[in-house]
N, C-alpha and C. Protein backbone atom coordinates (compact mmCIF):
# COMPACT_ATOMS: atom_id res chain seq x y z
N VAL A 1 61.11 95.03 103.50
CA VAL A 1 61.61 94.83 104.84
C VAL A 1 61.83 96.22 105.44
N THR A 2 61.29 96.42 106.62
CA THR A 2 61.47 97.70 107.30
C THR A 2 61.96 97.47 108.73
N ALA A 3 62.71 98.45 109.23
CA ALA A 3 63.19 98.42 110.61
C ALA A 3 62.50 99.55 111.37
N HIS A 4 62.06 99.25 112.57
CA HIS A 4 61.37 100.24 113.40
C HIS A 4 62.06 100.34 114.75
N GLU A 5 62.70 101.49 114.99
CA GLU A 5 63.29 101.72 116.31
C GLU A 5 62.16 101.94 117.30
N ARG A 6 62.28 101.31 118.45
CA ARG A 6 61.20 101.37 119.44
C ARG A 6 61.54 102.26 120.62
N SER A 7 62.62 103.04 120.47
CA SER A 7 63.05 103.88 121.58
C SER A 7 63.83 105.08 121.05
N LEU A 8 63.62 106.23 121.64
CA LEU A 8 64.38 107.42 121.26
C LEU A 8 65.84 107.32 121.71
N HIS A 9 66.11 106.50 122.72
CA HIS A 9 67.47 106.39 123.24
C HIS A 9 68.24 105.20 122.68
N TYR A 10 67.71 104.54 121.66
CA TYR A 10 68.38 103.36 121.10
C TYR A 10 69.81 103.67 120.64
N ALA A 11 70.02 104.84 120.05
CA ALA A 11 71.35 105.20 119.54
C ALA A 11 72.39 105.27 120.65
N SER A 12 71.97 105.52 121.88
CA SER A 12 72.94 105.63 122.97
C SER A 12 73.09 104.36 123.80
N ASP A 13 72.03 103.53 123.89
CA ASP A 13 72.16 102.34 124.74
C ASP A 13 71.78 101.02 124.05
N ALA A 14 71.40 101.09 122.77
CA ALA A 14 71.07 99.90 121.98
C ALA A 14 69.96 99.05 122.61
N TYR A 15 69.02 99.73 123.28
CA TYR A 15 67.92 99.00 123.89
C TYR A 15 66.65 99.83 123.82
N PRO A 16 65.50 99.27 123.60
CA PRO A 16 65.27 97.92 123.11
C PRO A 16 65.64 97.81 121.62
N GLU A 17 65.90 96.58 121.19
CA GLU A 17 66.30 96.36 119.80
C GLU A 17 65.18 96.77 118.85
N PRO A 18 65.54 97.22 117.64
CA PRO A 18 64.51 97.54 116.66
C PRO A 18 63.71 96.29 116.29
N ALA A 19 62.50 96.51 115.80
CA ALA A 19 61.67 95.42 115.29
C ALA A 19 61.73 95.47 113.77
N TYR A 20 61.79 94.31 113.14
CA TYR A 20 61.89 94.21 111.68
C TYR A 20 60.62 93.57 111.15
N TYR A 21 60.09 94.16 110.07
CA TYR A 21 58.84 93.68 109.50
C TYR A 21 59.00 93.42 108.01
N LEU A 22 58.28 92.40 107.56
CA LEU A 22 58.16 92.09 106.15
C LEU A 22 56.75 92.49 105.75
N GLN A 23 56.65 93.38 104.76
CA GLN A 23 55.35 93.87 104.33
C GLN A 23 55.10 93.48 102.88
N ASN A 24 53.94 92.86 102.65
CA ASN A 24 53.50 92.54 101.30
C ASN A 24 52.87 93.79 100.72
N LEU A 25 53.49 94.36 99.70
CA LEU A 25 53.01 95.63 99.15
C LEU A 25 51.70 95.48 98.39
N GLU A 26 51.37 94.27 97.94
CA GLU A 26 50.10 94.05 97.24
C GLU A 26 48.94 93.87 98.20
N SER A 27 49.11 93.04 99.22
CA SER A 27 48.00 92.75 100.15
C SER A 27 48.00 93.66 101.37
N GLY A 28 49.15 94.28 101.67
CA GLY A 28 49.25 95.11 102.86
C GLY A 28 49.58 94.32 104.12
N GLU A 29 49.61 92.99 104.02
CA GLU A 29 49.92 92.15 105.18
C GLU A 29 51.33 92.46 105.68
N ARG A 30 51.47 92.50 107.01
CA ARG A 30 52.76 92.80 107.62
C ARG A 30 52.99 91.84 108.77
N LYS A 31 54.22 91.29 108.84
CA LYS A 31 54.54 90.41 109.96
C LYS A 31 55.95 90.69 110.44
N GLN A 32 56.14 90.51 111.75
CA GLN A 32 57.45 90.73 112.33
C GLN A 32 58.35 89.54 112.01
N ILE A 33 59.59 89.84 111.66
CA ILE A 33 60.56 88.80 111.30
C ILE A 33 61.90 89.09 111.99
N LEU A 34 62.80 88.16 111.90
CA LEU A 34 64.21 88.30 112.31
C LEU A 34 64.40 88.61 113.79
N LYS A 35 63.50 88.10 114.63
CA LYS A 35 63.70 88.24 116.07
C LYS A 35 64.94 87.46 116.47
N GLY A 36 65.79 88.05 117.28
CA GLY A 36 66.99 87.38 117.76
C GLY A 36 68.22 87.60 116.90
N TYR A 37 68.06 88.23 115.73
CA TYR A 37 69.23 88.52 114.90
C TYR A 37 69.76 89.89 115.29
N GLN A 38 71.07 89.97 115.41
CA GLN A 38 71.71 91.19 115.90
C GLN A 38 71.89 92.19 114.75
N GLU A 39 71.17 93.27 114.81
CA GLU A 39 71.25 94.38 113.86
C GLU A 39 71.29 93.96 112.40
N PRO A 40 70.26 93.27 111.90
CA PRO A 40 70.26 92.90 110.48
C PRO A 40 70.22 94.14 109.58
N TYR A 41 70.91 94.06 108.44
CA TYR A 41 70.96 95.18 107.49
C TYR A 41 71.33 94.66 106.12
N ARG A 42 71.40 95.55 105.11
CA ARG A 42 71.75 95.21 103.72
C ARG A 42 70.80 94.17 103.13
N PHE A 43 69.52 94.43 103.18
CA PHE A 43 68.51 93.52 102.65
C PHE A 43 68.50 93.61 101.13
N LYS A 44 68.61 92.44 100.45
CA LYS A 44 68.57 92.41 98.99
C LYS A 44 67.78 91.19 98.54
N PHE A 45 66.71 91.42 97.79
CA PHE A 45 65.91 90.32 97.27
C PHE A 45 66.63 89.66 96.10
N ASP A 46 66.50 88.31 96.01
CA ASP A 46 67.10 87.61 94.89
C ASP A 46 66.26 87.81 93.63
N GLU A 47 66.79 87.39 92.50
CA GLU A 47 66.14 87.62 91.21
C GLU A 47 64.76 86.98 91.14
N SER A 48 64.58 85.83 91.77
CA SER A 48 63.30 85.12 91.72
C SER A 48 62.25 85.75 92.63
N GLN A 49 62.66 86.65 93.51
CA GLN A 49 61.78 87.27 94.50
C GLN A 49 61.20 86.24 95.48
N GLN A 50 61.89 85.10 95.62
CA GLN A 50 61.45 84.05 96.55
C GLN A 50 62.09 84.20 97.93
N GLY A 51 63.01 85.15 98.04
CA GLY A 51 63.67 85.36 99.31
C GLY A 51 64.62 86.53 99.23
N PHE A 52 65.27 86.82 100.36
CA PHE A 52 66.22 87.93 100.37
C PHE A 52 67.41 87.58 101.25
N TYR A 53 68.52 88.24 100.94
CA TYR A 53 69.74 88.12 101.72
C TYR A 53 69.81 89.29 102.70
N PHE A 54 70.50 89.06 103.80
CA PHE A 54 70.78 90.14 104.74
C PHE A 54 72.03 89.80 105.54
N VAL A 55 72.60 90.81 106.15
CA VAL A 55 73.79 90.66 106.99
C VAL A 55 73.37 90.86 108.44
N SER A 56 73.93 90.06 109.32
CA SER A 56 73.70 90.23 110.74
C SER A 56 75.02 89.99 111.47
N VAL A 57 75.18 90.66 112.58
CA VAL A 57 76.41 90.55 113.37
C VAL A 57 76.27 89.40 114.36
N SER A 58 77.34 88.64 114.51
CA SER A 58 77.39 87.56 115.48
C SER A 58 78.47 87.92 116.50
N SER A 59 78.11 87.85 117.77
CA SER A 59 79.09 88.19 118.80
C SER A 59 78.87 87.33 120.03
N SER A 60 79.86 87.31 120.90
CA SER A 60 79.75 86.52 122.12
C SER A 60 78.81 87.19 123.13
N ASP A 61 78.60 88.49 123.00
CA ASP A 61 77.70 89.20 123.91
C ASP A 61 76.83 90.17 123.10
N PRO A 62 75.64 89.72 122.69
CA PRO A 62 74.78 90.54 121.83
C PRO A 62 74.31 91.86 122.45
N ARG A 63 74.51 92.05 123.77
CA ARG A 63 74.13 93.33 124.37
C ARG A 63 74.87 94.49 123.72
N TRP A 64 76.10 94.24 123.27
CA TRP A 64 76.91 95.31 122.69
C TRP A 64 76.73 95.26 121.18
N ALA A 65 75.63 95.76 120.73
CA ALA A 65 75.24 95.70 119.32
C ALA A 65 76.34 96.25 118.41
N GLY A 66 76.64 95.49 117.36
CA GLY A 66 77.59 95.93 116.36
C GLY A 66 79.00 95.43 116.57
N ALA A 67 79.34 94.99 117.77
CA ALA A 67 80.69 94.49 118.03
C ALA A 67 80.71 92.99 117.77
N GLY A 68 81.27 92.60 116.65
CA GLY A 68 81.32 91.18 116.33
C GLY A 68 81.66 90.96 114.87
N MET A 69 81.32 89.79 114.37
CA MET A 69 81.64 89.40 113.01
C MET A 69 80.37 89.41 112.17
N SER A 70 80.45 90.00 110.99
CA SER A 70 79.30 90.05 110.09
C SER A 70 79.15 88.73 109.35
N GLU A 71 77.92 88.23 109.28
CA GLU A 71 77.62 86.99 108.59
C GLU A 71 76.45 87.20 107.64
N LEU A 72 76.38 86.36 106.61
CA LEU A 72 75.36 86.48 105.58
C LEU A 72 74.28 85.43 105.78
N TYR A 73 73.02 85.85 105.59
CA TYR A 73 71.87 84.97 105.77
C TYR A 73 70.93 85.10 104.58
N TYR A 74 70.08 84.07 104.42
CA TYR A 74 69.05 84.08 103.37
C TYR A 74 67.71 83.77 104.03
N TYR A 75 66.72 84.64 103.78
CA TYR A 75 65.36 84.46 104.31
C TYR A 75 64.49 83.94 103.18
N ASP A 76 63.94 82.73 103.34
CA ASP A 76 63.06 82.12 102.36
C ASP A 76 61.62 82.55 102.63
N LEU A 77 61.00 83.23 101.67
CA LEU A 77 59.66 83.76 101.88
C LEU A 77 58.59 82.67 102.00
N SER A 78 58.73 81.57 101.28
CA SER A 78 57.70 80.52 101.32
C SER A 78 57.69 79.77 102.65
N SER A 79 58.85 79.56 103.24
CA SER A 79 58.91 78.82 104.51
C SER A 79 59.07 79.73 105.73
N ASN A 80 59.38 80.99 105.49
CA ASN A 80 59.67 81.95 106.57
C ASN A 80 60.83 81.46 107.44
N GLN A 81 61.79 80.79 106.81
CA GLN A 81 62.96 80.30 107.52
C GLN A 81 64.20 81.04 107.06
N VAL A 82 65.15 81.15 107.96
CA VAL A 82 66.43 81.80 107.68
C VAL A 82 67.52 80.74 107.62
N ASP A 83 68.31 80.79 106.56
CA ASP A 83 69.48 79.91 106.43
C ASP A 83 70.73 80.77 106.46
N LYS A 84 71.71 80.34 107.22
CA LYS A 84 73.01 81.01 107.24
C LYS A 84 73.79 80.56 106.01
N VAL A 85 74.34 81.50 105.26
CA VAL A 85 75.17 81.17 104.11
C VAL A 85 76.54 80.76 104.65
N ASN A 86 76.94 79.53 104.36
CA ASN A 86 78.24 79.05 104.82
C ASN A 86 79.30 79.67 103.91
N LEU A 87 80.00 80.67 104.43
CA LEU A 87 81.02 81.38 103.65
C LEU A 87 82.32 80.58 103.54
N ASN A 88 82.47 79.54 104.35
CA ASN A 88 83.72 78.79 104.38
C ASN A 88 84.91 79.75 104.56
N HIS A 89 84.74 80.66 105.51
CA HIS A 89 85.76 81.68 105.76
C HIS A 89 85.66 82.08 107.23
N ASP A 90 86.77 82.05 107.95
CA ASP A 90 86.76 82.25 109.39
C ASP A 90 86.55 83.69 109.85
N TRP A 91 86.84 84.67 109.00
CA TRP A 91 86.82 86.06 109.46
C TRP A 91 85.53 86.79 109.15
N GLY A 92 84.61 86.16 108.48
CA GLY A 92 83.32 86.78 108.22
C GLY A 92 83.29 87.65 106.98
N LEU A 93 82.23 88.40 106.87
CA LEU A 93 81.90 89.17 105.68
C LEU A 93 82.25 90.64 105.85
N ALA A 94 82.84 91.23 104.79
CA ALA A 94 83.11 92.67 104.79
C ALA A 94 82.04 93.41 104.00
N GLY A 95 81.36 92.74 103.09
CA GLY A 95 80.30 93.34 102.28
C GLY A 95 79.89 92.38 101.18
N TYR A 96 78.81 92.71 100.47
CA TYR A 96 78.40 91.85 99.37
C TYR A 96 77.57 92.62 98.35
N GLN A 97 77.53 92.07 97.14
CA GLN A 97 76.68 92.53 96.05
C GLN A 97 75.89 91.31 95.60
N LEU A 98 74.73 91.56 95.02
CA LEU A 98 73.91 90.47 94.52
C LEU A 98 73.66 90.70 93.05
N SER A 99 73.98 89.70 92.24
CA SER A 99 73.74 89.78 90.81
C SER A 99 72.96 88.54 90.40
N ARG A 100 71.72 88.78 90.02
CA ARG A 100 70.81 87.66 89.73
C ARG A 100 70.74 86.79 90.98
N ASN A 101 71.17 85.54 90.90
CA ASN A 101 71.15 84.68 92.08
C ASN A 101 72.56 84.33 92.55
N THR A 102 73.52 85.18 92.20
CA THR A 102 74.90 84.97 92.62
C THR A 102 75.30 86.07 93.60
N VAL A 103 75.82 85.67 94.73
CA VAL A 103 76.35 86.60 95.72
C VAL A 103 77.83 86.81 95.41
N VAL A 104 78.26 88.06 95.30
CA VAL A 104 79.67 88.38 95.19
C VAL A 104 80.05 89.01 96.53
N ALA A 105 80.86 88.29 97.28
CA ALA A 105 81.15 88.67 98.66
C ALA A 105 82.58 89.15 98.82
N SER A 106 82.72 90.22 99.61
CA SER A 106 84.04 90.67 100.08
C SER A 106 84.23 90.02 101.43
N LEU A 107 85.21 89.16 101.53
CA LEU A 107 85.47 88.43 102.77
C LEU A 107 86.56 89.13 103.56
N ALA A 108 86.29 89.37 104.83
CA ALA A 108 87.25 90.05 105.68
C ALA A 108 88.55 89.26 105.72
N ASN A 109 89.68 89.97 105.60
CA ASN A 109 90.99 89.32 105.55
C ASN A 109 92.03 90.25 106.16
N GLY A 110 91.81 90.67 107.38
CA GLY A 110 92.71 91.62 108.01
C GLY A 110 92.56 92.99 107.37
N ALA A 111 93.66 93.55 106.89
CA ALA A 111 93.62 94.89 106.27
C ALA A 111 93.13 94.85 104.83
N THR A 112 92.93 93.68 104.27
CA THR A 112 92.47 93.54 102.89
C THR A 112 91.22 92.66 102.85
N ASN A 113 90.70 92.45 101.66
CA ASN A 113 89.55 91.57 101.47
C ASN A 113 89.87 90.53 100.41
N LYS A 114 89.21 89.40 100.50
CA LYS A 114 89.23 88.40 99.43
C LYS A 114 87.85 88.42 98.81
N ILE A 115 87.77 88.22 97.50
CA ILE A 115 86.48 88.28 96.81
C ILE A 115 86.10 86.88 96.36
N ALA A 116 84.87 86.46 96.70
CA ALA A 116 84.38 85.14 96.32
C ALA A 116 82.95 85.25 95.81
N THR A 117 82.54 84.29 95.00
CA THR A 117 81.15 84.20 94.57
C THR A 117 80.52 82.99 95.24
N TYR A 118 79.21 83.09 95.46
CA TYR A 118 78.44 82.00 96.05
C TYR A 118 77.18 81.82 95.21
N GLN A 119 76.99 80.61 94.70
CA GLN A 119 75.80 80.31 93.92
C GLN A 119 74.90 79.39 94.73
N LYS A 120 73.64 79.78 94.85
CA LYS A 120 72.67 79.05 95.66
C LYS A 120 72.14 77.84 94.90
N SER A 121 72.07 76.72 95.60
CA SER A 121 71.47 75.50 95.07
C SER A 121 70.73 74.85 96.23
N GLY A 122 69.42 75.03 96.27
CA GLY A 122 68.65 74.53 97.42
C GLY A 122 69.00 75.31 98.66
N LYS A 123 69.49 74.60 99.68
CA LYS A 123 69.87 75.26 100.93
C LYS A 123 71.38 75.34 101.11
N THR A 124 72.12 75.16 100.01
CA THR A 124 73.58 75.27 100.07
C THR A 124 74.06 76.28 99.04
N TRP A 125 75.30 76.72 99.22
CA TRP A 125 75.91 77.67 98.31
C TRP A 125 77.27 77.15 97.88
N LYS A 126 77.54 77.23 96.58
CA LYS A 126 78.83 76.80 96.05
C LYS A 126 79.75 78.02 95.98
N LYS A 127 80.91 77.91 96.60
CA LYS A 127 81.87 79.01 96.66
C LYS A 127 82.92 78.87 95.58
N SER A 128 83.27 79.99 94.95
CA SER A 128 84.46 80.03 94.09
C SER A 128 85.11 81.40 94.26
N MET A 129 86.43 81.40 94.32
CA MET A 129 87.17 82.64 94.50
C MET A 129 87.30 83.37 93.16
N LEU A 130 87.22 84.68 93.18
CA LEU A 130 87.45 85.48 91.98
C LEU A 130 88.93 85.80 91.88
N ASP A 131 89.48 85.63 90.71
CA ASP A 131 90.91 85.86 90.49
C ASP A 131 91.11 87.24 89.84
N PHE A 132 91.77 88.14 90.55
CA PHE A 132 92.06 89.47 90.03
C PHE A 132 93.53 89.61 89.63
N GLY A 133 94.23 88.50 89.54
CA GLY A 133 95.64 88.54 89.14
C GLY A 133 96.48 89.29 90.14
N ASP A 134 97.30 90.23 89.67
CA ASP A 134 98.23 90.96 90.55
C ASP A 134 97.51 91.97 91.45
N GLN A 135 96.22 92.14 91.28
CA GLN A 135 95.46 93.06 92.13
C GLN A 135 94.82 92.34 93.32
N GLU A 136 95.08 91.06 93.47
CA GLU A 136 94.48 90.22 94.50
C GLU A 136 94.50 90.89 95.87
N GLU A 137 93.42 90.77 96.59
CA GLU A 137 93.24 91.22 97.97
C GLU A 137 93.27 92.73 98.17
N HIS A 138 93.43 93.49 97.13
CA HIS A 138 93.40 94.95 97.26
C HIS A 138 92.27 95.53 96.42
N VAL A 139 91.18 94.79 96.34
CA VAL A 139 90.05 95.12 95.47
C VAL A 139 88.81 95.35 96.32
N GLY A 140 88.03 96.36 95.94
CA GLY A 140 86.72 96.59 96.52
C GLY A 140 85.68 96.61 95.41
N ILE A 141 84.65 95.79 95.54
CA ILE A 141 83.60 95.74 94.52
C ILE A 141 82.69 96.95 94.70
N LEU A 142 82.50 97.71 93.63
CA LEU A 142 81.64 98.89 93.68
C LEU A 142 80.21 98.57 93.24
N SER A 143 80.10 97.84 92.13
CA SER A 143 78.77 97.52 91.60
C SER A 143 78.87 96.39 90.59
N ILE A 144 77.76 95.71 90.39
CA ILE A 144 77.65 94.66 89.38
C ILE A 144 76.43 94.97 88.54
N SER A 145 76.56 94.80 87.22
CA SER A 145 75.44 95.09 86.33
C SER A 145 74.27 94.15 86.60
N GLU A 146 73.07 94.58 86.20
CA GLU A 146 71.87 93.78 86.43
C GLU A 146 71.96 92.40 85.77
N ASN A 147 72.59 92.33 84.61
CA ASN A 147 72.69 91.04 83.92
C ASN A 147 73.84 90.19 84.46
N GLY A 148 74.64 90.73 85.40
CA GLY A 148 75.70 89.98 86.03
C GLY A 148 76.94 89.78 85.17
N LYS A 149 77.07 90.54 84.11
CA LYS A 149 78.20 90.32 83.20
C LYS A 149 79.31 91.37 83.31
N LYS A 150 79.05 92.46 84.00
CA LYS A 150 80.06 93.52 84.18
C LYS A 150 80.15 93.87 85.66
N MET A 151 81.33 94.27 86.06
CA MET A 151 81.51 94.75 87.43
C MET A 151 82.41 95.97 87.43
N ALA A 152 82.15 96.86 88.37
CA ALA A 152 83.03 98.00 88.61
C ALA A 152 83.72 97.73 89.94
N PHE A 153 85.04 97.99 89.97
CA PHE A 153 85.77 97.77 91.21
C PHE A 153 86.89 98.79 91.34
N VAL A 154 87.35 98.94 92.56
CA VAL A 154 88.45 99.84 92.86
C VAL A 154 89.63 99.01 93.34
N HIS A 155 90.84 99.42 92.93
CA HIS A 155 92.06 98.75 93.37
C HIS A 155 92.97 99.80 94.00
N SER A 156 93.49 99.51 95.18
CA SER A 156 94.35 100.46 95.88
C SER A 156 95.30 99.70 96.80
N THR A 157 96.49 100.22 96.93
CA THR A 157 97.47 99.66 97.88
C THR A 157 98.10 100.83 98.62
N THR A 158 98.99 100.52 99.56
CA THR A 158 99.70 101.58 100.28
C THR A 158 100.65 102.33 99.35
N GLN A 159 101.03 101.72 98.24
CA GLN A 159 101.95 102.32 97.28
C GLN A 159 101.24 103.02 96.13
N GLN A 160 99.91 102.90 96.05
CA GLN A 160 99.19 103.39 94.88
C GLN A 160 97.83 103.99 95.27
N LEU A 161 97.55 105.15 94.74
CA LEU A 161 96.23 105.75 94.95
C LEU A 161 95.16 104.89 94.28
N PRO A 162 93.89 105.03 94.67
CA PRO A 162 92.84 104.20 94.08
C PRO A 162 92.74 104.35 92.55
N ARG A 163 92.52 103.20 91.91
CA ARG A 163 92.27 103.14 90.46
C ARG A 163 90.95 102.42 90.26
N TYR A 164 90.13 102.90 89.32
CA TYR A 164 88.78 102.38 89.12
C TYR A 164 88.68 101.65 87.79
N PHE A 165 88.09 100.44 87.84
CA PHE A 165 88.05 99.56 86.68
C PHE A 165 86.63 99.07 86.40
N ILE A 166 86.40 98.76 85.13
CA ILE A 166 85.25 97.99 84.66
C ILE A 166 85.83 96.68 84.12
N ALA A 167 85.17 95.57 84.38
CA ALA A 167 85.66 94.28 83.89
C ALA A 167 84.48 93.38 83.57
N ASP A 168 84.75 92.37 82.76
CA ASP A 168 83.76 91.35 82.46
C ASP A 168 83.78 90.31 83.57
N LEU A 169 82.62 89.90 84.00
CA LEU A 169 82.46 88.84 84.98
C LEU A 169 81.89 87.65 84.21
N THR A 170 82.72 86.64 84.00
CA THR A 170 82.37 85.53 83.12
C THR A 170 82.26 84.25 83.92
N ALA A 171 81.23 83.45 83.60
CA ALA A 171 81.01 82.18 84.30
C ALA A 171 81.47 81.02 83.44
N ASN A 172 81.99 79.99 84.11
CA ASN A 172 82.25 78.71 83.46
C ASN A 172 81.89 77.61 84.46
N ARG A 173 82.22 76.36 84.16
CA ARG A 173 81.86 75.24 85.05
C ARG A 173 82.46 75.38 86.44
N ASN A 174 83.60 76.01 86.54
CA ASN A 174 84.30 76.11 87.82
C ASN A 174 83.94 77.35 88.63
N GLY A 175 83.08 78.21 88.11
CA GLY A 175 82.71 79.42 88.81
C GLY A 175 82.82 80.64 87.93
N PHE A 176 83.27 81.74 88.51
CA PHE A 176 83.36 83.01 87.80
C PHE A 176 84.80 83.47 87.73
N PHE A 177 85.11 84.24 86.70
CA PHE A 177 86.43 84.86 86.63
C PHE A 177 86.31 86.25 86.03
N VAL A 178 87.32 87.09 86.30
CA VAL A 178 87.35 88.49 85.88
C VAL A 178 88.28 88.61 84.68
N GLN A 179 87.82 89.27 83.63
CA GLN A 179 88.68 89.46 82.46
C GLN A 179 88.36 90.81 81.82
N ASN A 180 89.22 91.22 80.90
CA ASN A 180 89.06 92.48 80.15
C ASN A 180 88.94 93.69 81.07
N LYS A 181 89.83 93.78 82.05
CA LYS A 181 89.82 94.92 82.98
C LYS A 181 90.22 96.19 82.22
N LYS A 182 89.45 97.24 82.43
CA LYS A 182 89.76 98.52 81.78
C LYS A 182 89.53 99.64 82.78
N GLU A 183 90.54 100.48 82.93
CA GLU A 183 90.42 101.62 83.85
C GLU A 183 89.43 102.63 83.26
N PHE A 184 88.45 103.06 84.05
CA PHE A 184 87.46 103.98 83.52
C PHE A 184 87.53 105.39 84.11
N VAL A 185 88.36 105.59 85.11
CA VAL A 185 88.62 106.91 85.66
C VAL A 185 90.11 106.99 85.91
N GLU A 186 90.73 108.09 85.51
CA GLU A 186 92.15 108.27 85.77
C GLU A 186 92.37 109.51 86.61
N LEU A 187 93.34 109.42 87.51
CA LEU A 187 93.71 110.57 88.32
C LEU A 187 94.44 111.59 87.47
N ASN A 188 94.45 112.83 87.94
CA ASN A 188 95.26 113.84 87.27
C ASN A 188 96.70 113.38 87.22
N LYS A 189 97.36 113.64 86.13
CA LYS A 189 98.73 113.17 85.95
C LYS A 189 99.66 113.66 87.05
N LYS A 190 99.41 114.86 87.60
CA LYS A 190 100.26 115.41 88.68
C LYS A 190 100.18 114.53 89.94
N LEU A 191 99.06 113.87 90.16
CA LEU A 191 98.91 113.05 91.36
C LEU A 191 99.57 111.69 91.24
N LYS A 192 99.89 111.27 90.03
CA LYS A 192 100.45 109.93 89.84
C LYS A 192 101.91 109.82 90.24
N SER A 193 102.65 110.89 90.22
CA SER A 193 104.09 110.77 90.50
C SER A 193 104.41 111.05 91.94
């Protein structure tokens, strides 16, 4: 997926909108996609390579590019159709990671984020919240391992400088949960007091 700005002045007036293309690297075929989506970004192909996720902004006045709520979408390569991922959350998306076919989403929650997983099944996604215990809502996901079993995250509050952790991301019938959290970077002792 590539974005092509069609104007030297786009950075100052957001017009005309960039054009987005999907290019088959084997055949060289290229087609324009995502017309009408406001500033799509964060393209990530799923494990099956049958489609990709992306974020687009939704606003009451699309002329003002970037001012609005971020939402998550899935582009199906076989049908060339876009499905909106129902986040079941009113404030939209703050960011996401993709591990295999599971989306780990940071959901906007005012000054903090809530972390949820979404598993795709056909054209729907099953949501489950990740439980970080006493670190709830003050977590930022940094990365998830390729096999989807480990995650790196940062925890910070107004009372505490950032702390960096590695944890196991474990699945069961009810979704995913975080366990075996271990701090992997420590601040200098002088900064802790």
